[in-house]
Amino acid sequence: MTTDGREDVRRECDKLGELVVQARLESDHFGTGKAFAWEWLLEQYYRRRREGESEERERTERTLKAAEDAAGAARAAAAGAQSAARWTMVAALSAAAAVVVSLAKYW
């Protein structure tokens, strides 16, 4: 079959869709263009597979980005809590110093 025949089969396959092409291959509809129809089906399969891998990769990257953001937020919260704990200790020491000073005034 010529290149024109190949293109004709490919155009027909594009119009019909995968399921119809599969059914027509089983009924020997394509005749000598059967190999081109199989080739078209394989291309569709591999294209879908590549797109699926791309989607999976993007989903994984989004998940990793979300995990990194959550870890960053957790680090920031921990740093904030640590700072708050320090200021609480400073406030407690200041209060204790104030009590000592006020007691020293009365002695």
PDB file of N, CA and C in Angstrom:
ATOM      1  N   MET A   1       0.847  -1.174   0.000  1.00  0.00           N
ATOM      2  CA  MET A   1       0.000   0.000   0.000  1.00  0.00           C
ATOM      3  C   MET A   1       0.893   1.238   0.000  1.00  0.00           C
ATOM      4  N   THR A   2       0.465   2.271  -0.641  1.00  0.00           N
ATOM      5  CA  THR A   2       1.265   3.488  -0.791  1.00  0.00           C
ATOM      6  C   THR A   2       1.127   4.386   0.423  1.00  0.00           C
ATOM      7  N   THR A   3       1.911   5.448   0.406  1.00  0.00           N
ATOM      8  CA  THR A   3       1.825   6.439   1.479  1.00  0.00           C
ATOM      9  C   THR A   3       0.447   7.077   1.495  1.00  0.00           C
ATOM     10  N   ASP A   4      -0.130   7.286   0.299  1.00  0.00           N
ATOM     11  CA  ASP A   4      -1.486   7.841   0.240  1.00  0.00           C
ATOM     12  C   ASP A   4      -2.462   6.900   0.925  1.00  0.00           C
ATOM     13  N   GLY A   5      -2.294   5.597   0.689  1.00  0.00           N
ATOM     14  CA  GLY A   5      -3.157   4.607   1.334  1.00  0.00           C
ATOM     15  C   GLY A   5      -2.994   4.641   2.843  1.00  0.00           C
ATOM     16  N   ARG A   6      -1.771   4.802   3.269  1.00  0.00           N
ATOM     17  CA  ARG A   6      -1.489   4.889   4.700  1.00  0.00           C
ATOM     18  C   ARG A   6      -2.198   6.096   5.299  1.00  0.00           C
ATOM     19  N   GLU A   7      -2.088   7.229   4.641  1.00  0.00           N
ATOM     20  CA  GLU A   7      -2.743   8.447   5.133  1.00  0.00           C
ATOM     21  C   GLU A   7      -4.261   8.295   5.120  1.00  0.00           C
ATOM     22  N   ASP A   8      -4.786   7.623   4.092  1.00  0.00           N
ATOM     23  CA  ASP A   8      -6.233   7.384   4.038  1.00  0.00           C
ATOM     24  C   ASP A   8      -6.683   6.561   5.240  1.00  0.00           C
ATOM     25  N   VAL A   9      -5.935   5.498   5.548  1.00  0.00           N
ATOM     26  CA  VAL A   9      -6.278   4.649   6.695  1.00  0.00           C
ATOM     27  C   VAL A   9      -6.182   5.461   7.983  1.00  0.00           C
ATOM     28  N   ARG A  10      -5.147   6.265   8.119  1.00  0.00           N
ATOM     29  CA  ARG A  10      -4.974   7.071   9.333  1.00  0.00           C
ATOM     30  C   ARG A  10      -6.117   8.079   9.499  1.00  0.00           C
ATOM     31  N   ARG A  11      -6.511   8.717   8.394  1.00  0.00           N
ATOM     32  CA  ARG A  11      -7.634   9.669   8.466  1.00  0.00           C
ATOM     33  C   ARG A  11      -8.918   8.948   8.868  1.00  0.00           C
ATOM     34  N   GLU A  12      -9.130   7.778   8.272  1.00  0.00           N
ATOM     35  CA  GLU A  12     -10.331   7.012   8.612  1.00  0.00           C
ATOM     36  C   GLU A  12     -10.305   6.608  10.086  1.00  0.00           C
ATOM     37  N   CYS A  13      -9.149   6.192  10.567  1.00  0.00           N
ATOM     38  CA  CYS A  13      -9.018   5.814  11.978  1.00  0.00           C
ATOM     39  C   CYS A  13      -9.283   7.010  12.887  1.00  0.00           C
ATOM     40  N   ASP A  14      -8.758   8.178  12.511  1.00  0.00           N
ATOM     41  CA  ASP A  14      -8.999   9.386  13.303  1.00  0.00           C
ATOM     42  C   ASP A  14     -10.488   9.683  13.402  1.00  0.00           C
ATOM     43  N   LYS A  15     -11.204   9.479  12.307  1.00  0.00           N
ATOM     44  CA  LYS A  15     -12.648   9.739  12.295  1.00  0.00           C
ATOM     45  C   LYS A  15     -13.403   8.714  13.134  1.00  0.00           C
ATOM     46  N   LEU A  16     -12.987   7.446  13.040  1.00  0.00           N
ATOM     47  CA  LEU A  16     -13.736   6.368  13.681  1.00  0.00           C
ATOM     48  C   LEU A  16     -13.512   6.287  15.187  1.00  0.00           C
ATOM     49  N   GLY A  17     -12.307   6.501  15.625  1.00  0.00           N
ATOM     50  CA  GLY A  17     -12.003   6.340  17.041  1.00  0.00           C
ATOM     51  C   GLY A  17     -11.484   4.941  17.328  1.00  0.00           C
ATOM     52  N   GLU A  18     -10.888   4.791  18.504  1.00  0.00           N
ATOM     53  CA  GLU A  18     -10.187   3.551  18.826  1.00  0.00           C
ATOM     54  C   GLU A  18     -11.087   2.325  18.883  1.00  0.00           C
ATOM     55  N   LEU A  19     -12.220   2.433  19.553  1.00  0.00           N
ATOM     56  CA  LEU A  19     -13.076   1.254  19.715  1.00  0.00           C
ATOM     57  C   LEU A  19     -13.601   0.749  18.381  1.00  0.00           C
ATOM     58  N   VAL A  20     -14.011   1.665  17.523  1.00  0.00           N
ATOM     59  CA  VAL A  20     -14.531   1.271  16.213  1.00  0.00           C
ATOM     60  C   VAL A  20     -13.409   0.680  15.367  1.00  0.00           C
ATOM     61  N   VAL A  21     -12.226   1.265  15.437  1.00  0.00           N
ATOM     62  CA  VAL A  21     -11.089   0.738  14.674  1.00  0.00           C
ATOM     63  C   VAL A  21     -10.777  -0.683  15.132  1.00  0.00           C
ATOM     64  N   GLN A  22     -10.795  -0.914  16.434  1.00  0.00           N
ATOM     65  CA  GLN A  22     -10.547  -2.267  16.942  1.00  0.00           C
ATOM     66  C   GLN A  22     -11.581  -3.249  16.406  1.00  0.00           C
ATOM     67  N   ALA A  23     -12.844  -2.855  16.451  1.00  0.00           N
ATOM     68  CA  ALA A  23     -13.906  -3.738  15.953  1.00  0.00           C
ATOM     69  C   ALA A  23     -13.738  -3.998  14.461  1.00  0.00           C
ATOM     70  N   ARG A  24     -13.398  -2.984  13.719  1.00  0.00           N
ATOM     71  CA  ARG A  24     -13.243  -3.156  12.271  1.00  0.00           C
ATOM     72  C   ARG A  24     -11.989  -3.956  11.931  1.00  0.00           C
ATOM     73  N   LEU A  25     -10.976  -3.867  12.751  1.00  0.00           N
ATOM     74  CA  LEU A  25      -9.793  -4.708  12.535  1.00  0.00           C
ATOM     75  C   LEU A  25     -10.154  -6.181  12.705  1.00  0.00           C
ATOM     76  N   GLU A  26     -10.975  -6.463  13.713  1.00  0.00           N
ATOM     77  CA  GLU A  26     -11.401  -7.842  13.944  1.00  0.00           C
ATOM     78  C   GLU A  26     -12.238  -8.370  12.784  1.00  0.00           C
ATOM     79  N   SER A  27     -12.987  -7.481  12.137  1.00  0.00           N
ATOM     80  CA  SER A  27     -13.815  -7.917  11.007  1.00  0.00           C
ATOM     81  C   SER A  27     -13.081  -7.779   9.675  1.00  0.00           C
ATOM     82  N   ASP A  28     -11.779  -7.482   9.728  1.00  0.00           N
ATOM     83  CA  ASP A  28     -10.930  -7.367   8.536  1.00  0.00           C
ATOM     84  C   ASP A  28     -11.420  -6.278   7.581  1.00  0.00           C
ATOM     85  N   HIS A  29     -11.922  -5.198   8.124  1.00  0.00           N
ATOM     86  CA  HIS A  29     -12.456  -4.084   7.339  1.00  0.00           C
ATOM     87  C   HIS A  29     -11.369  -3.367   6.533  1.00  0.00           C
ATOM     88  N   PHE A  30     -10.168  -3.274   7.073  1.00  0.00           N
ATOM     89  CA  PHE A  30      -9.126  -2.459   6.451  1.00  0.00           C
ATOM     90  C   PHE A  30      -8.372  -3.168   5.329  1.00  0.00           C
ATOM     91  N   GLY A  31      -8.531  -4.455   5.216  1.00  0.00           N
ATOM     92  CA  GLY A  31      -7.876  -5.197   4.137  1.00  0.00           C
ATOM     93  C   GLY A  31      -6.372  -5.034   4.181  1.00  0.00           C
ATOM     94  N   THR A  32      -5.793  -4.532   3.090  1.00  0.00           N
ATOM     95  CA  THR A  32      -4.336  -4.379   3.021  1.00  0.00           C
ATOM     96  C   THR A  32      -3.831  -3.254   3.916  1.00  0.00           C
ATOM     97  N   GLY A  33      -4.705  -2.386   4.368  1.00  0.00           N
ATOM     98  CA  GLY A  33      -4.310  -1.289   5.263  1.00  0.00           C
ATOM     99  C   GLY A  33      -4.355  -1.687   6.728  1.00  0.00           C
ATOM    100  N   LYS A  34      -4.526  -2.980   6.978  1.00  0.00           N
ATOM    101  CA  LYS A  34      -4.641  -3.476   8.349  1.00  0.00           C
ATOM    102  C   LYS A  34      -3.414  -3.089   9.196  1.00  0.00           C
ATOM    103  N   ALA A  35      -2.229  -3.203   8.622  1.00  0.00           N
ATOM    104  CA  ALA A  35      -1.005  -2.867   9.369  1.00  0.00           C
ATOM    105  C   ALA A  35      -0.997  -1.395   9.766  1.00  0.00           C
ATOM    106  N   PHE A  36      -1.503  -0.541   8.886  1.00  0.00           N
ATOM    107  CA  PHE A  36      -1.536   0.889   9.206  1.00  0.00           C
ATOM    108  C   PHE A  36      -2.540   1.175  10.319  1.00  0.00           C
ATOM    109  N   ALA A  37      -3.649   0.444  10.307  1.00  0.00           N
ATOM    110  CA  ALA A  37      -4.641   0.623  11.371  1.00  0.00           C
ATOM    111  C   ALA A  37      -4.063   0.163  12.709  1.00  0.00           C
ATOM    112  N   TRP A  38      -3.343  -0.960  12.710  1.00  0.00           N
ATOM    113  CA  TRP A  38      -2.690  -1.421  13.936  1.00  0.00           C
ATOM    114  C   TRP A  38      -1.645  -0.408  14.407  1.00  0.00           C
ATOM    115  N   GLU A  39      -0.906   0.132  13.477  1.00  0.00           N
ATOM    116  CA  GLU A  39       0.101   1.142  13.803  1.00  0.00           C
ATOM    117  C   GLU A  39      -0.572   2.351  14.463  1.00  0.00           C
ATOM    118  N   TRP A  40      -1.694   2.772  13.906  1.00  0.00           N
ATOM    119  CA  TRP A  40      -2.432   3.907  14.453  1.00  0.00           C
ATOM    120  C   TRP A  40      -2.897   3.597  15.874  1.00  0.00           C
ATOM    121  N   LEU A  41      -3.425   2.378  16.081  1.00  0.00           N
ATOM    122  CA  LEU A  41      -3.877   1.986  17.419  1.00  0.00           C
ATOM    123  C   LEU A  41      -2.723   2.008  18.425  1.00  0.00           C
ATOM    124  N   LEU A  42      -1.579   1.491  18.017  1.00  0.00           N
ATOM    125  CA  LEU A  42      -0.418   1.503  18.913  1.00  0.00           C
ATOM    126  C   LEU A  42       0.013   2.924  19.252  1.00  0.00           C
ATOM    127  N   GLU A  43      -0.017   3.803  18.281  1.00  0.00           N
ATOM    128  CA  GLU A  43       0.338   5.205  18.541  1.00  0.00           C
ATOM    129  C   GLU A  43      -0.613   5.823  19.557  1.00  0.00           C
ATOM    130  N   GLN A  44      -1.899   5.510  19.426  1.00  0.00           N
ATOM    131  CA  GLN A  44      -2.878   6.044  20.376  1.00  0.00           C
ATOM    132  C   GLN A  44      -2.595   5.524  21.789  1.00  0.00           C
ATOM    133  N   TYR A  45      -2.286   4.238  21.865  1.00  0.00           N
ATOM    134  CA  TYR A  45      -1.987   3.620  23.159  1.00  0.00           C
ATOM    135  C   TYR A  45      -0.772   4.289  23.814  1.00  0.00           C
ATOM    136  N   TYR A  46       0.306   4.438  23.057  1.00  0.00           N
ATOM    137  CA  TYR A  46       1.522   5.029  23.618  1.00  0.00           C
ATOM    138  C   TYR A  46       1.346   6.511  23.934  1.00  0.00           C
ATOM    139  N   ARG A  47       0.559   7.208  23.149  1.00  0.00           N
ATOM    140  CA  ARG A  47       0.280   8.623  23.440  1.00  0.00           C
ATOM    141  C   ARG A  47      -0.464   8.737  24.769  1.00  0.00           C
ATOM    142  N   ARG A  48      -1.498   7.901  24.955  1.00  0.00           N
ATOM    143  CA  ARG A  48      -2.250   7.909  26.215  1.00  0.00           C
ATOM    144  C   ARG A  48      -1.342   7.561  27.387  1.00  0.00           C
ATOM    145  N   ARG A  49      -0.471   6.603  27.162  1.00  0.00           N
ATOM    146  CA  ARG A  49       0.435   6.176  28.222  1.00  0.00           C
ATOM    147  C   ARG A  49       1.394   7.304  28.603  1.00  0.00           C
ATOM    148  N   ARG A  50       1.964   7.999  27.614  1.00  0.00           N
ATOM    149  CA  ARG A  50       2.856   9.133  27.891  1.00  0.00           C
ATOM    150  C   ARG A  50       2.116  10.227  28.643  1.00  0.00           C
ATOM    151  N   GLU A  51       0.893  10.518  28.199  1.00  0.00           N
ATOM    152  CA  GLU A  51       0.115  11.563  28.872  1.00  0.00           C
ATOM    153  C   GLU A  51      -0.186  11.160  30.303  1.00  0.00           C
ATOM    154  N   GLY A  52      -0.477   9.880  30.512  1.00  0.00           N
ATOM    155  CA  GLY A  52      -0.723   9.385  31.868  1.00  0.00           C
ATOM    156  C   GLY A  52       0.503   9.524  32.743  1.00  0.00           C
ATOM    157  N   GLU A  53       1.680   9.231  32.178  1.00  0.00           N
ATOM    158  CA  GLU A  53       2.917   9.383  32.939  1.00  0.00           C
ATOM    159  C   GLU A  53       3.169  10.846  33.261  1.00  0.00           C
ATOM    160  N   SER A  54       2.867  11.736  32.326  1.00  0.00           N
ATOM    161  CA  SER A  54       3.044  13.173  32.577  1.00  0.00           C
ATOM    162  C   SER A  54       2.118  13.630  33.694  1.00  0.00           C
ATOM    163  N   GLU A  55       0.867  13.164  33.657  1.00  0.00           N
ATOM    164  CA  GLU A  55      -0.086  13.544  34.700  1.00  0.00           C
ATOM    165  C   GLU A  55       0.369  13.012  36.052  1.00  0.00           C
ATOM    166  N   GLU A  56       0.858  11.771  36.068  1.00  0.00           N
ATOM    167  CA  GLU A  56       1.344  11.179  37.315  1.00  0.00           C
ATOM    168  C   GLU A  56       2.545  11.963  37.845  1.00  0.00           C
ATOM    169  N   ARG A  57       3.450  12.349  36.960  1.00  0.00           N
ATOM    170  CA  ARG A  57       4.623  13.125  37.366  1.00  0.00           C
ATOM    171  C   ARG A  57       4.188  14.478  37.930  1.00  0.00           C
ATOM    172  N   GLU A  58       3.239  15.136  37.272  1.00  0.00           N
ATOM    173  CA  GLU A  58       2.756  16.433  37.760  1.00  0.00           C
ATOM    174  C   GLU A  58       2.086  16.282  39.120  1.00  0.00           C
ATOM    175  N   ARG A  59       1.303  15.213  39.281  1.00  0.00           N
ATOM    176  CA  ARG A  59       0.624  14.980  40.554  1.00  0.00           C
ATOM    177  C   ARG A  59       1.662  14.756  41.660  1.00  0.00           C
ATOM    178  N   THR A  60       2.712  14.000  41.358  1.00  0.00           N
ATOM    179  CA  THR A  60       3.778  13.755  42.332  1.00  0.00           C
ATOM    180  C   THR A  60       4.494  15.052  42.684  1.00  0.00           C
ATOM    181  N   GLU A  61       4.773  15.873  41.671  1.00  0.00           N
ATOM    182  CA  GLU A  61       5.447  17.150  41.927  1.00  0.00           C
ATOM    183  C   GLU A  61       4.584  18.067  42.789  1.00  0.00           C
ATOM    184  N   ARG A  62       3.260  18.088  42.524  1.00  0.00           N
ATOM    185  CA  ARG A  62       2.364  18.910  43.353  1.00  0.00           C
ATOM    186  C   ARG A  62       2.345  18.410  44.795  1.00  0.00           C
ATOM    187  N   THR A  63       2.344  17.082  44.970  1.00  0.00           N
ATOM    188  CA  THR A  63       2.344  16.506  46.310  1.00  0.00           C
ATOM    189  C   THR A  63       3.625  16.862  47.050  1.00  0.00           C
ATOM    190  N   LEU A  64       4.758  16.744  46.351  1.00  0.00           N
ATOM    191  CA  LEU A  64       6.034  17.100  46.976  1.00  0.00           C
ATOM    192  C   LEU A  64       6.088  18.576  47.338  1.00  0.00           C
ATOM    193  N   LYS A  65       5.575  19.434  46.464  1.00  0.00           N
ATOM    194  CA  LYS A  65       5.554  20.873  46.733  1.00  0.00           C
ATOM    195  C   LYS A  65       4.693  21.166  47.959  1.00  0.00           C
ATOM    196  N   ALA A  66       3.538  20.500  48.048  1.00  0.00           N
ATOM    197  CA  ALA A  66       2.667  20.700  49.210  1.00  0.00           C
ATOM    198  C   ALA A  66       3.359  20.227  50.487  1.00  0.00           C
ATOM    199  N   ALA A  67       4.083  19.111  50.404  1.00  0.00           N
ATOM    200  CA  ALA A  67       4.809  18.608  51.573  1.00  0.00           C
ATOM    201  C   ALA A  67       5.909  19.580  51.987  1.00  0.00           C
ATOM    202  N   GLU A  68       6.618  20.143  51.002  1.00  0.00           N
ATOM    203  CA  GLU A  68       7.656  21.132  51.311  1.00  0.00           C
ATOM    204  C   GLU A  68       7.049  22.369  51.962  1.00  0.00           C
ATOM    205  N   ASP A  69       5.911  22.823  51.438  1.00  0.00           N
ATOM    206  CA  ASP A  69       5.246  23.992  52.019  1.00  0.00           C
ATOM    207  C   ASP A  69       4.804  23.707  53.455  1.00  0.00           C
ATOM    208  N   ALA A  70       4.259  22.511  53.677  1.00  0.00           N
ATOM    209  CA  ALA A  70       3.818  22.138  55.021  1.00  0.00           C
ATOM    210  C   ALA A  70       5.007  22.058  55.975  1.00  0.00           C
ATOM    211  N   ALA A  71       6.120  21.509  55.497  1.00  0.00           N
ATOM    212  CA  ALA A  71       7.321  21.427  56.333  1.00  0.00           C
ATOM    213  C   ALA A  71       7.836  22.824  56.667  1.00  0.00           C
ATOM    214  N   GLY A  72       7.814  23.722  55.693  1.00  0.00           N
ATOM    215  CA  GLY A  72       8.238  25.101  55.938  1.00  0.00           C
ATOM    216  C   GLY A  72       7.343  25.787  56.962  1.00  0.00           C
ATOM    217  N   ALA A  73       6.039  25.557  56.840  1.00  0.00           N
ATOM    218  CA  ALA A  73       5.101  26.146  57.799  1.00  0.00           C
ATOM    219  C   ALA A  73       5.329  25.566  59.193  1.00  0.00           C
ATOM    220  N   ALA A  74       5.612  24.266  59.257  1.00  0.00           N
ATOM    221  CA  ALA A  74       5.874  23.640  60.554  1.00  0.00           C
ATOM    222  C   ALA A  74       7.150  24.204  61.181  1.00  0.00           C
ATOM    223  N   ARG A  75       8.185  24.400  60.354  1.00  0.00           N
ATOM    224  CA  ARG A  75       9.426  24.995  60.872  1.00  0.00           C
ATOM    225  C   ARG A  75       9.170  26.416  61.387  1.00  0.00           C
ATOM    226  N   ALA A  76       8.392  27.185  60.633  1.00  0.00           N
ATOM    227  CA  ALA A  76       8.086  28.556  61.053  1.00  0.00           C
ATOM    228  C   ALA A  76       7.290  28.553  62.356  1.00  0.00           C
ATOM    229  N   ALA A  77       6.336  27.631  62.468  1.00  0.00           N
ATOM    230  CA  ALA A  77       5.544  27.542  63.695  1.00  0.00           C
ATOM    231  C   ALA A  77       6.425  27.135  64.875  1.00  0.00           C
ATOM    232  N   ALA A  78       7.340  26.195  64.635  1.00  0.00           N
ATOM    233  CA  ALA A  78       8.244  25.766  65.706  1.00  0.00           C
ATOM    234  C   ALA A  78       9.145  26.918  66.139  1.00  0.00           C
ATOM    235  N   ALA A  79       9.646  27.677  65.176  1.00  0.00           N
ATOM    236  CA  ALA A  79      10.487  28.831  65.507  1.00  0.00           C
ATOM    237  C   ALA A  79       9.677  29.863  66.285  1.00  0.00           C
ATOM    238  N   GLY A  80       8.435  30.081  65.878  1.00  0.00           N
ATOM    239  CA  GLY A  80       7.573  31.020  66.596  1.00  0.00           C
ATOM    240  C   GLY A  80       7.290  30.552  68.012  1.00  0.00           C
ATOM    241  N   ALA A  81       7.047  29.254  68.178  1.00  0.00           N
ATOM    242  CA  ALA A  81       6.789  28.704  69.508  1.00  0.00           C
ATOM    243  C   ALA A  81       8.032  28.819  70.384  1.00  0.00           C
ATOM    244  N   GLN A  82       9.188  28.570  69.793  1.00  0.00           N
ATOM    245  CA  GLN A  82      10.439  28.680  70.539  1.00  0.00           C
ATOM    246  C   GLN A  82      10.660  30.128  70.984  1.00  0.00           C
ATOM    247  N   SER A  83      10.392  31.065  70.095  1.00  0.00           N
ATOM    248  CA  SER A  83      10.537  32.480  70.432  1.00  0.00           C
ATOM    249  C   SER A  83       9.545  32.870  71.530  1.00  0.00           C
ATOM    250  N   ALA A  84       8.313  32.374  71.410  1.00  0.00           N
ATOM    251  CA  ALA A  84       7.300  32.673  72.430  1.00  0.00           C
ATOM    252  C   ALA A  84       7.716  32.096  73.781  1.00  0.00           C
ATOM    253  N   ALA A  85       8.298  30.900  73.759  1.00  0.00           N
ATOM    254  CA  ALA A  85       8.758  30.291  75.010  1.00  0.00           C
ATOM    255  C   ALA A  85       9.869  31.131  75.635  1.00  0.00           C
ATOM    256  N   ARG A  86      10.767  31.638  74.814  1.00  0.00           N
ATOM    257  CA  ARG A  86      11.842  32.501  75.341  1.00  0.00           C
ATOM    258  C   ARG A  86      11.263  33.760  75.980  1.00  0.00           C
ATOM    259  N   TRP A  87      10.319  34.389  75.291  1.00  0.00           N
ATOM    260  CA  TRP A  87       9.724  35.610  75.832  1.00  0.00           C
ATOM    261  C   TRP A  87       8.930  35.321  77.102  1.00  0.00           C
ATOM    262  N   THR A  88       8.319  34.150  77.165  1.00  0.00           N
ATOM    263  CA  THR A  88       7.599  33.767  78.383  1.00  0.00           C
ATOM    264  C   THR A  88       8.581  33.624  79.541  1.00  0.00           C
ATOM    265  N   MET A  89       9.730  33.008  79.259  1.00  0.00           N
ATOM    266  CA  MET A  89      10.754  32.877  80.307  1.00  0.00           C
ATOM    267  C   MET A  89      11.265  34.251  80.743  1.00  0.00           C
ATOM    268  N   VAL A  90      11.481  35.154  79.796  1.00  0.00           N
ATOM    269  CA  VAL A  90      11.936  36.514  80.121  1.00  0.00           C
ATOM    270  C   VAL A  90      10.891  37.217  80.986  1.00  0.00           C
ATOM    271  N   ALA A  91       9.618  37.051  80.611  1.00  0.00           N
ATOM    272  CA  ALA A  91       8.547  37.689  81.390  1.00  0.00           C
ATOM    273  C   ALA A  91       8.492  37.110  82.801  1.00  0.00           C
ATOM    274  N   ALA A  92       8.648  35.786  82.922  1.00  0.00           N
ATOM    275  CA  ALA A  92       8.626  35.160  84.247  1.00  0.00           C
ATOM    276  C   ALA A  92       9.806  35.636  85.089  1.00  0.00           C
ATOM    277  N   LEU A  93      10.987  35.719  84.482  1.00  0.00           N
ATOM    278  CA  LEU A  93      12.159  36.213  85.216  1.00  0.00           C
ATOM    279  C   LEU A  93      11.976  37.670  85.624  1.00  0.00           C
ATOM    280  N   SER A  94      11.379  38.470  84.750  1.00  0.00           N
ATOM    281  CA  SER A  94      11.123  39.883  85.077  1.00  0.00           C
ATOM    282  C   SER A  94      10.145  39.993  86.239  1.00  0.00           C
ATOM    283  N   ALA A  95       9.119  39.150  86.219  1.00  0.00           N
ATOM    284  CA  ALA A  95       8.146  39.171  87.317  1.00  0.00           C
ATOM    285  C   ALA A  95       8.819  38.751  88.622  1.00  0.00           C
ATOM    286  N   ALA A  96       9.666  37.727  88.556  1.00  0.00           N
ATOM    287  CA  ALA A  96      10.379  37.286  89.762  1.00  0.00           C
ATOM    288  C   ALA A  96      11.303  38.390  90.262  1.00  0.00           C
ATOM    289  N   ALA A  97      11.976  39.068  89.341  1.00  0.00           N
ATOM    290  CA  ALA A  97      12.860  40.169  89.738  1.00  0.00           C
ATOM    291  C   ALA A  97      12.049  41.289  90.373  1.00  0.00           C
ATOM    292  N   ALA A  98      10.878  41.569  89.837  1.00  0.00           N
ATOM    293  CA  ALA A  98      10.024  42.617  90.410  1.00  0.00           C
ATOM    294  C   ALA A  98       9.587  42.239  91.818  1.00  0.00           C
ATOM    295  N   VAL A  99       9.269  40.961  92.024  1.00  0.00           N
ATOM    296  CA  VAL A  99       8.881  40.501  93.365  1.00  0.00           C
ATOM    297  C   VAL A  99      10.056  40.654  94.327  1.00  0.00           C
ATOM    298  N   VAL A 100      11.256  40.270  93.894  1.00  0.00           N
ATOM    299  CA  VAL A 100      12.444  40.386  94.743  1.00  0.00           C
ATOM    300  C   VAL A 100      12.701  41.852  95.081  1.00  0.00           C
ATOM    301  N   VAL A 101      12.568  42.734  94.095  1.00  0.00           N
ATOM    302  CA  VAL A 101      12.791  44.164  94.331  1.00  0.00           C
ATOM    303  C   VAL A 101      11.756  44.708  95.310  1.00  0.00           C
ATOM    304  N   SER A 102      10.486  44.313  95.124  1.00  0.00           N
ATOM    305  CA  SER A 102       9.455  44.834  96.030  1.00  0.00           C
ATOM    306  C   SER A 102       9.640  44.277  97.438  1.00  0.00           C
ATOM    307  N   LEU A 103      10.079  43.026  97.571  1.00  0.00           N
ATOM    308  CA  LEU A 103      10.348  42.468  98.900  1.00  0.00           C
ATOM    309  C   LEU A 103      11.551  43.162  99.544  1.00  0.00           C
ATOM    310  N   ALA A 104      12.546  43.492  98.725  1.00  0.00           N
ATOM    311  CA  ALA A 104      13.739  44.162  99.252  1.00  0.00           C
ATOM    312  C   ALA A 104      13.390  45.544  99.785  1.00  0.00           C
ATOM    313  N   LYS A 105      12.381  46.190  99.190  1.00  0.00           N
ATOM    314  CA  LYS A 105      11.980  47.520  99.665  1.00  0.00           C
ATOM    315  C   LYS A 105      11.375  47.445 101.063  1.00  0.00           C
ATOM    316  N   TYR A 106      10.651  46.347 101.323  1.00  0.00           N
ATOM    317  CA  TYR A 106       9.978  46.240 102.615  1.00  0.00           C
ATOM    318  C   TYR A 106      10.900  45.741 103.715  1.00  0.00           C
ATOM    319  N   TRP A 107      12.060  45.192 103.436  1.00  0.00           N
ATOM    320  CA  TRP A 107      12.981  44.721 104.478  1.00  0.00           C
ATOM    321  C   TRP A 107      13.832  45.795 104.903  1.00  0.00           C
TER     322      TRP A 107
END
